[in-house]
């Protein structure tokens, strides 16, 4: 899935390519820049892609020349004499299109020194600059004058010296710089020396902080700015639509993942199904062999069962005969037992009668024995007493 940021950046670059003029060049930017992460879109004042880096020293700010701001720097130039080579040349750099206003300046030398102090100690204090030559005048092979657009490193922004007249309005005049009203509040423009008015952006080179690309806005073409504003609004709409489609794509991807998992399961099942015929054939052969073995065993068991059945019938017949005999004998024994029970009952009655007679007779004999014993004891006692008396 293509990340949202990549699509948004590509879309923005396409829209910018349609809205700026054909002469502009868009390149990847390098170097410091002020960026506010809380802003949705931000344009920073930048330098042209064909500008060259140079360390500059301010010479002076003049009031009597058309070119008012002069610097001195060093840069390698191509020198040809017999053979071509590069030599470090002295370059006098002049900011193009900025001059003193002879009708307003009352004390030109003092004002020039005042402006020069600000350039030297504020806007170009670091000495690092990007110089975009417009016209080159060769005084000698190693001494040249470059009438240029100068961009000084000012803090963490690039300060375009052509904007100085917007700061020193009463003293400097800028040629070829016109402010264009730009009211797209969704775009923040960072200009170190902002012209007066709301969201006013002058023609020049800018960096899109979101895409890190440099582009040029023409000085006098308000239609381009209108198209750029429309492009930005359209880009926002497309970003919202892209977010919606990204969410839908995420849902489709989730569904696709589920379908892929289902397809994988079906492929496994298909592979198992393709291997099933061989397994079934082997299983069929095994079952056939087992069936033949079972049929053979069944025939043997049926033969044995028939033999057991014949034996069982003979045994049943013998058992029935023996059962009849035992039944007859049982009936005879039952009759004999009944007769013996009757005889036993009679014997019990006779035994009971004789027992009663014997008990009665025993009781009679017992009483007679007790009486005789008592009489004998009494006679013995009397004889004993008589004997004792005689001894005395």
Protein backbone atom coordinates (compact mmCIF):
# COMPACT_ATOMS: atom_id res chain seq x y z
CA UNK A 1 0.00 0.00 0.00
CA UNK A 2 1.43 3.46 -0.93
CA UNK A 3 1.86 5.67 2.17
CA UNK A 4 -0.41 8.69 2.40
CA UNK A 5 2.47 11.16 2.74
CA UNK A 6 4.10 9.93 -0.49
CA UNK A 7 0.86 10.38 -2.45
CA UNK A 8 0.24 13.82 -0.94
CA UNK A 9 3.76 15.00 -1.77
CA UNK A 10 3.53 13.69 -5.32
CA UNK A 11 0.17 15.39 -5.82
CA UNK A 12 1.45 18.69 -4.44
CA UNK A 13 4.48 18.62 -6.70
CA UNK A 14 2.27 17.97 -9.73
CA UNK A 15 -0.01 20.90 -8.90
CA UNK A 16 2.93 23.23 -8.32
CA UNK A 17 4.42 22.19 -11.66
CA UNK A 18 1.18 23.25 -13.37
CA UNK A 19 0.90 26.63 -11.63
CA UNK A 20 4.37 28.20 -11.86
CA UNK A 21 5.86 29.50 -15.06
CA UNK A 22 7.81 27.35 -17.46
CA UNK A 23 11.07 29.19 -16.75
CA UNK A 24 11.23 28.18 -13.10
CA UNK A 25 13.42 25.36 -11.86
CA UNK A 26 12.42 23.04 -8.99
CA UNK A 27 15.24 21.32 -7.12
CA UNK A 28 15.78 19.66 -3.79
CA UNK A 29 16.80 22.27 -1.22
CA UNK A 30 19.75 22.23 1.13
CA UNK A 31 20.84 24.37 4.02
CA UNK A 32 19.07 25.84 7.07
CA UNK A 33 15.55 27.08 7.05
CA UNK A 34 12.96 28.16 9.59
CA UNK A 35 10.13 25.67 9.81
CA UNK A 36 7.09 25.77 12.05
CA UNK A 37 5.82 22.21 12.51
CA UNK A 38 2.38 23.38 13.66
CA UNK A 39 1.61 24.99 10.29
CA UNK A 40 -0.14 22.87 7.63
CA UNK A 41 1.75 24.46 4.72
CA UNK A 42 4.72 26.76 4.83
CA UNK A 43 6.69 28.64 2.19
CA UNK A 44 10.12 30.01 3.10
CA UNK A 45 12.00 32.71 1.22
CA UNK A 46 14.87 30.91 -0.52
CA UNK A 47 17.58 31.33 -3.15
CA UNK A 48 17.52 30.30 -6.84
CA UNK A 49 18.84 26.85 -7.64
CA UNK A 50 21.56 28.34 -9.86
CA UNK A 51 22.95 30.54 -7.05
CA UNK A 52 26.48 29.86 -5.85
CA UNK A 53 27.71 29.99 -2.23
CA UNK A 54 30.09 32.76 -1.32
CA UNK A 55 31.44 34.40 1.83
CA UNK A 56 30.84 38.12 1.44
CA UNK A 57 32.26 41.19 3.18
CA UNK A 58 30.25 44.42 2.97
CA UNK A 59 32.23 47.22 1.30
CA UNK A 60 29.72 50.06 1.50
CA UNK A 61 26.29 51.37 0.71
CA UNK A 62 26.51 54.24 -1.76
CA UNK A 63 23.94 56.90 -2.59
CA UNK A 64 25.48 58.22 -5.79
CA UNK A 65 25.51 55.04 -7.89
CA UNK A 66 22.63 53.08 -9.44
CA UNK A 67 23.97 49.98 -7.69
CA UNK A 68 23.87 50.91 -4.02
CA UNK A 69 25.03 47.82 -2.04
CA UNK A 70 28.53 46.47 -2.63
CA UNK A 71 30.23 43.34 -1.29
CA UNK A 72 33.58 41.68 -1.83
CA UNK A 73 34.13 37.93 -2.04
CA UNK A 74 36.28 35.20 -3.55
CA UNK A 75 35.16 32.55 -6.03
CA UNK A 76 36.99 30.22 -8.49
CA UNK A 77 36.55 31.30 -12.12
CA UNK A 78 37.64 29.70 -15.39
CA UNK A 79 40.66 31.41 -16.89
CA UNK A 80 41.88 30.43 -20.35
CA UNK A 81 45.33 31.42 -21.68
CA UNK A 82 46.99 28.72 -23.73
CA UNK A 83 45.08 26.26 -21.54
CA UNK A 84 42.02 26.67 -19.37
CA UNK A 85 42.15 26.40 -15.61
CA UNK A 86 40.25 27.58 -12.53
CA UNK A 87 41.69 30.37 -10.42
CA UNK A 88 40.37 32.04 -7.28
CA UNK A 89 39.13 35.46 -8.37
CA UNK A 90 38.11 38.61 -6.52
CA UNK A 91 34.39 39.15 -7.01
CA UNK A 92 32.64 42.44 -6.36
CA UNK A 93 29.00 41.58 -5.76
CA UNK A 94 26.29 44.20 -6.21
CA UNK A 95 22.63 43.68 -5.32
CA UNK A 96 20.65 44.28 -8.48
CA UNK A 97 17.71 46.67 -8.59
CA UNK A 98 18.16 48.39 -5.20
CA UNK A 99 19.29 52.06 -5.03
CA UNK A 100 18.98 55.13 -2.90
CA UNK A 101 16.01 57.50 -3.43
CA UNK A 102 17.63 60.85 -4.31
CA UNK A 103 14.36 62.75 -3.85
CA UNK A 104 13.70 61.57 -0.29
CA UNK A 105 17.14 61.19 1.26
CA UNK A 106 18.14 64.41 3.02
CA UNK A 107 21.36 63.17 4.58
CA UNK A 108 22.47 60.50 2.11
CA UNK A 109 25.87 59.65 3.60
CA UNK A 110 24.44 59.21 7.11
CA UNK A 111 21.52 57.13 5.82
CA UNK A 112 23.90 54.99 3.73
CA UNK A 113 26.03 54.31 6.80
CA UNK A 114 22.93 53.50 8.84
CA UNK A 115 21.70 51.00 6.21
CA UNK A 116 25.20 49.58 5.83
CA UNK A 117 25.44 48.99 9.58
CA UNK A 118 22.18 46.97 9.53
CA UNK A 119 23.33 44.93 6.52
CA UNK A 120 26.74 44.23 8.06
CA UNK A 121 25.60 43.54 11.63
CA UNK A 122 22.12 42.07 11.11
CA UNK A 123 21.02 40.75 7.74
CA UNK A 124 24.44 39.63 6.46
CA UNK A 125 26.22 39.34 9.81
CA UNK A 126 27.19 35.69 9.25
CA UNK A 127 28.90 36.50 5.98
CA UNK A 128 27.40 33.44 4.28
CA UNK A 129 25.45 34.20 1.14
CA UNK A 130 24.04 32.65 -2.01
CA UNK A 131 24.78 34.77 -5.09
CA UNK A 132 22.70 34.45 -8.28
CA UNK A 133 24.51 36.48 -11.00
CA UNK A 134 22.36 38.43 -13.46
CA UNK A 135 25.19 40.26 -15.24
CA UNK A 136 28.97 39.68 -15.02
CA UNK A 137 31.51 42.41 -15.83
CA UNK A 138 35.11 41.25 -16.22
CA UNK A 139 37.64 43.85 -15.15
CA UNK A 140 40.36 41.24 -15.57
CA UNK A 141 40.41 37.42 -15.76
CA UNK A 142 40.63 37.27 -11.95
CA UNK A 143 38.64 40.42 -11.07
CA UNK A 144 34.94 40.57 -11.84
CA UNK A 145 31.80 42.50 -10.92
CA UNK A 146 28.68 40.39 -10.43
CA UNK A 147 25.40 42.29 -10.57
CA UNK A 148 23.31 39.70 -8.76
CA UNK A 149 20.51 38.75 -6.47
CA UNK A 150 22.09 38.28 -3.05
CA UNK A 151 20.59 36.03 -0.36
CA UNK A 152 22.29 36.35 3.05
CA UNK A 153 21.93 33.74 5.76
CA UNK A 154 19.86 35.58 8.35
CA UNK A 155 19.29 33.44 11.43
CA UNK A 156 17.78 30.28 10.02
CA UNK A 157 16.33 31.95 6.92
CA UNK A 158 17.71 33.31 3.69
CA UNK A 159 17.27 37.08 3.48
CA UNK A 160 16.89 38.50 -0.02
CA UNK A 161 18.50 41.94 -0.18
CA UNK A 162 16.00 43.05 -2.83
CA UNK A 163 13.51 43.24 0.05
CA UNK A 164 15.49 45.94 1.89
CA UNK A 165 13.31 48.73 0.43
CA UNK A 166 10.35 47.25 2.31
CA UNK A 167 12.28 47.87 5.54
CA UNK A 168 13.86 51.23 4.70
CA UNK A 169 10.86 52.55 2.78
CA UNK A 170 11.88 56.21 2.96
CA UNK A 171 15.43 55.71 1.73
CA UNK A 172 15.71 52.80 -0.72
CA UNK A 173 13.96 52.02 -3.98
CA UNK A 174 13.45 48.50 -5.29
CA UNK A 175 13.21 47.90 -9.00
CA UNK A 176 11.28 44.95 -10.40
CA UNK A 177 9.79 43.82 -7.09
CA UNK A 178 6.04 43.97 -6.66
CA UNK A 179 4.04 42.51 -3.82
CA UNK A 180 1.23 40.16 -4.76
CA UNK A 181 -1.76 39.81 -2.47
CA UNK A 182 -2.11 36.19 -1.43
CA UNK A 183 -4.98 35.40 0.91
CA UNK A 184 -4.88 31.65 1.25
CA UNK A 185 -4.87 31.44 5.06
CA UNK A 186 -3.88 27.77 4.94
CA UNK A 187 -0.39 28.72 3.75
CA UNK A 188 2.14 30.34 6.06
CA UNK A 189 4.81 32.42 4.30
CA UNK A 190 7.99 33.07 6.25
CA UNK A 191 9.75 36.19 4.91
CA UNK A 192 12.41 37.84 7.14
CA UNK A 193 11.42 41.29 5.84
CA UNK A 194 7.73 40.88 5.14
CA UNK A 195 6.08 43.53 2.94
CA UNK A 196 3.08 45.37 4.40
CA UNK A 197 -0.34 43.75 4.21
CA UNK A 198 -1.86 40.40 5.08
CA UNK A 199 -0.40 37.31 3.43
CA UNK A 200 1.49 39.40 0.89
CA UNK A 201 4.15 37.40 -0.89
CA UNK A 202 6.57 39.02 -3.36
CA UNK A 203 7.74 37.38 -6.51
CA UNK A 204 10.90 35.35 -6.05
CA UNK A 205 12.23 31.99 -5.02
CA UNK A 206 10.59 29.98 -2.22
CA UNK A 207 11.01 26.67 -0.45
CA UNK A 208 8.04 24.43 0.21
CA UNK A 209 8.89 23.12 3.69
CA UNK A 210 6.60 20.11 3.25
CA UNK A 211 8.19 18.82 0.02
CA UNK A 212 11.67 20.39 0.47
CA UNK A 213 11.52 21.76 -3.09
CA UNK A 214 12.38 25.22 -4.36
CA UNK A 215 10.14 27.04 -6.85
CA UNK A 216 9.82 30.56 -8.30
CA UNK A 217 6.82 32.84 -8.18
CA UNK A 218 6.81 35.50 -10.94
CA UNK A 219 6.88 39.13 -9.84
CA UNK A 220 3.89 40.47 -11.78
CA UNK A 221 1.66 37.49 -12.48
CA UNK A 222 -1.29 37.53 -10.07
CA UNK A 223 -3.01 34.82 -12.14
CA UNK A 224 -0.27 32.40 -11.14
CA UNK A 225 -0.92 33.18 -7.48
CA UNK A 226 -4.64 32.62 -7.97
CA UNK A 227 -3.92 29.29 -9.64
CA UNK A 228 -1.53 28.39 -6.83
CA UNK A 229 -4.22 29.18 -4.28
CA UNK A 230 -6.74 27.08 -6.22
CA UNK A 231 -4.15 24.31 -6.47
CA UNK A 232 -3.62 24.40 -2.71
CA UNK A 233 -7.37 24.22 -2.07
CA UNK A 234 -7.69 21.39 -4.55
CA UNK A 235 -4.74 19.64 -2.91
CA UNK A 236 -6.52 19.85 0.46
CA UNK A 237 -9.67 18.39 -1.06
CA UNK A 238 -7.67 15.63 -2.71
CA UNK A 239 -5.88 14.94 0.58
CA UNK A 240 -9.25 14.48 2.29
CA UNK A 241 -10.42 12.23 -0.56
CA UNK A 242 -7.11 10.38 -0.37
CA UNK A 243 -7.61 9.83 3.36
CA UNK A 244 -11.08 8.41 2.66
CA UNK A 245 -9.77 6.15 -0.09
CA UNK A 246 -6.83 5.14 2.08
CA UNK A 247 -9.27 4.03 4.78
CA UNK A 248 -11.26 2.10 2.18
CA UNK A 249 -8.06 0.62 0.85
CA UNK A 250 -7.11 -0.45 4.38
CA UNK A 251 -10.46 -2.20 4.72
CA UNK A 252 -9.99 -3.83 1.32
CA UNK A 253 -6.51 -4.93 2.34
CA UNK A 254 -7.93 -6.50 5.49
CA UNK A 255 -10.51 -8.32 3.36
CA UNK A 256 -7.76 -9.33 0.95
CA UNK A 257 -5.71 -10.74 3.82
CA UNK A 258 -8.71 -12.80 4.93
CA UNK A 259 -9.25 -14.01 1.36
CA UNK A 260 -5.58 -14.93 1.07
CA UNK A 261 -5.85 -16.92 4.28
CA UNK A 262 -8.95 -18.68 2.95
CA UNK A 263 -7.18 -19.37 -0.36
CA UNK A 264 -4.23 -20.82 1.53
CA UNK A 265 -6.56 -23.12 3.45
CA UNK A 266 -8.28 -24.15 0.21
CA UNK A 267 -4.90 -24.85 -1.39
CA UNK A 268 -3.99 -27.11 1.51
CA UNK A 269 -7.34 -28.87 1.18
CA UNK A 270 -6.81 -29.15 -2.59
CA UNK A 271 -3.37 -30.68 -2.09
CA UNK A 272 -4.86 -33.13 0.37
CA UNK A 273 -7.67 -33.92 -2.09
CA UNK A 274 -5.15 -34.50 -4.90
CA UNK A 275 -3.20 -36.92 -2.74
CA UNK A 276 -6.41 -38.67 -1.60
CA UNK A 277 -6.90 -41.01 -4.69
CA UNK A 278 -3.58 -42.80 -4.14
CA UNK A 279 -4.33 -43.10 -0.46
CA UNK A 280 -7.85 -44.36 -1.25
CA UNK A 281 -6.48 -46.92 -3.77
CA UNK A 282 -4.06 -48.30 -1.20
CA UNK A 283 -6.80 -48.33 1.39
CA UNK A 284 -9.09 -50.12 -1.10
CA UNK A 285 -6.51 -52.85 -1.71
CA UNK A 286 -6.03 -53.28 1.99
CA UNK A 287 -9.76 -53.51 2.56
CA UNK A 288 -10.12 -56.06 -0.28
CA UNK A 289 -7.47 -58.28 1.26
CA UNK A 290 -9.12 -57.90 4.61
CA UNK A 291 -12.51 -58.76 3.04
CA UNK A 292 -11.14 -61.94 1.48
CA UNK A 293 -9.65 -62.94 4.78
CA UNK A 294 -12.94 -62.24 6.52
CA UNK A 295 -14.87 -64.28 3.93
CA UNK A 296 -12.55 -67.24 4.47
CA UNK A 297 -12.96 -66.90 8.22
CA UNK A 298 -16.73 -66.62 7.77
CA UNK A 299 -16.89 -69.92 5.82
CA UNK A 300 -14.88 -71.66 8.52
CA UNK A 301 -17.08 -70.24 11.22
CA UNK A 302 -20.25 -71.28 9.34
CA UNK A 303 -18.92 -74.88 9.03
CA UNK A 304 -18.07 -74.97 12.71
CA UNK A 305 -21.46 -73.43 13.54
CA UNK A 306 -23.31 -76.13 11.55
CA UNK A 307 -21.36 -78.84 13.38
CA UNK A 308 -22.12 -77.18 16.69
CA UNK A 309 -25.77 -76.93 15.66
CA UNK A 310 -25.98 -80.71 14.98
CA UNK A 311 -24.30 -81.44 18.28
CA UNK A 312 -26.69 -79.04 19.98
CA UNK A 313 -29.73 -80.83 18.48
CA UNK A 314 -28.42 -84.20 19.64
CA UNK A 315 -27.70 -82.77 23.06
CA UNK A 316 -31.16 -81.26 23.21
CA UNK A 317 -32.71 -84.69 22.40
CA UNK A 318 -30.60 -86.43 25.05
CA UNK A 319 -31.41 -83.76 27.58
CA UNK A 320 -35.13 -84.03 26.80
CA UNK A 321 -34.99 -87.83 27.34
CA UNK A 322 -33.07 -87.46 30.56
CA UNK A 323 -35.45 -84.72 31.63
CA UNK A 324 -38.44 -87.03 31.09
CA UNK A 325 -36.74 -89.76 33.09
CA UNK A 326 -35.80 -87.38 35.84
CA UNK A 327 -39.34 -86.03 35.88
CA UNK A 328 -40.75 -89.57 36.33
CA UNK A 329 -38.21 -90.32 39.01
CA UNK A 330 -39.03 -87.04 40.65
CA UNK A 331 -42.73 -87.91 40.72
CA UNK A 332 -41.89 -91.31 42.26
CA UNK A 333 -39.65 -89.67 44.83
CA UNK A 334 -42.34 -87.15 45.61
CA UNK A 335 -44.85 -90.00 46.26
CA UNK A 336 -42.27 -91.84 48.37
CA UNK A 337 -41.50 -88.69 50.31
CA UNK A 338 -45.20 -88.11 50.92
CA UNK A 339 -45.54 -91.69 52.26
CA UNK A 340 -42.47 -91.24 54.44
CA UNK A 341 -43.82 -87.96 55.72
CA UNK A 342 -47.08 -89.65 56.67
CA UNK A 343 -45.20 -92.44 58.48
CA UNK A 344 -43.00 -89.85 60.17
CA UNK A 345 -46.09 -87.98 61.37
CA UNK A 346 -47.46 -91.17 62.89
CA UNK A 347 -44.13 -91.91 64.54
CA UNK A 348 -44.04 -88.40 65.93
CA UNK A 349 -47.50 -88.85 67.39
CA UNK A 350 -46.51 -92.20 69.00
CA UNK A 351 -43.29 -90.61 70.25
CA UNK A 352 -45.19 -87.74 71.77
CA UNK A 353 -47.63 -90.11 73.51
CA UNK A 354 -44.86 -92.29 74.90
CA UNK A 355 -42.91 -89.20 75.96
CA UNK A 356 -45.94 -87.94 77.90
CA UNK A 357 -46.39 -91.29 79.61
CA UNK A 358 -42.72 -91.45 80.51
CA UNK A 359 -42.73 -87.92 81.85
CA UNK A 360 -45.77 -88.73 84.03
CA UNK A 361 -44.17 -91.89 85.30
CA UNK A 362 -40.90 -90.03 85.97
CA UNK A 363 -42.68 -87.41 87.98
CA UNK A 364 -44.38 -90.13 90.05
CA UNK A 365 -41.05 -91.85 90.69
CA UNK A 366 -39.42 -88.57 91.61
CA UNK A 367 -41.97 -87.70 94.28
CA UNK A 368 -41.68 -91.15 95.87
CA UNK A 369 -37.90 -90.79 95.92
CA UNK A 370 -38.06 -87.44 97.65
CA UNK A 371 -40.39 -88.69 100.32
CA UNK A 372 -38.14 -91.69 101.03
CA UNK A 373 -35.10 -89.47 101.20
CA UNK A 374 -36.78 -87.15 103.62
CA UNK A 375 -37.83 -89.97 105.85
CA UNK A 376 -34.35 -91.47 105.77
CA UNK A 377 -32.81 -88.14 106.69
CA UNK A 378 -35.16 -87.73 109.60
CA UNK A 379 -34.40 -91.19 110.88
CA UNK A 380 -30.66 -90.53 110.53
CA UNK A 381 -30.95 -87.32 112.48
CA UNK A 382 -32.85 -88.99 115.27
CA UNK A 383 -30.28 -91.80 115.50
CA UNK A 384 -27.48 -89.24 115.63
CA UNK A 385 -29.14 -87.31 118.39
CA UNK A 386 -29.68 -90.46 120.42
CA UNK A 387 -26.04 -91.39 120.04
CA UNK A 388 -24.90 -88.03 121.25
CA UNK A 389 -27.03 -88.20 124.25
CA UNK A 390 -25.62 -91.52 125.14
CA UNK A 391 -22.08 -90.22 124.94
CA UNK A 392 -22.79 -87.55 127.29
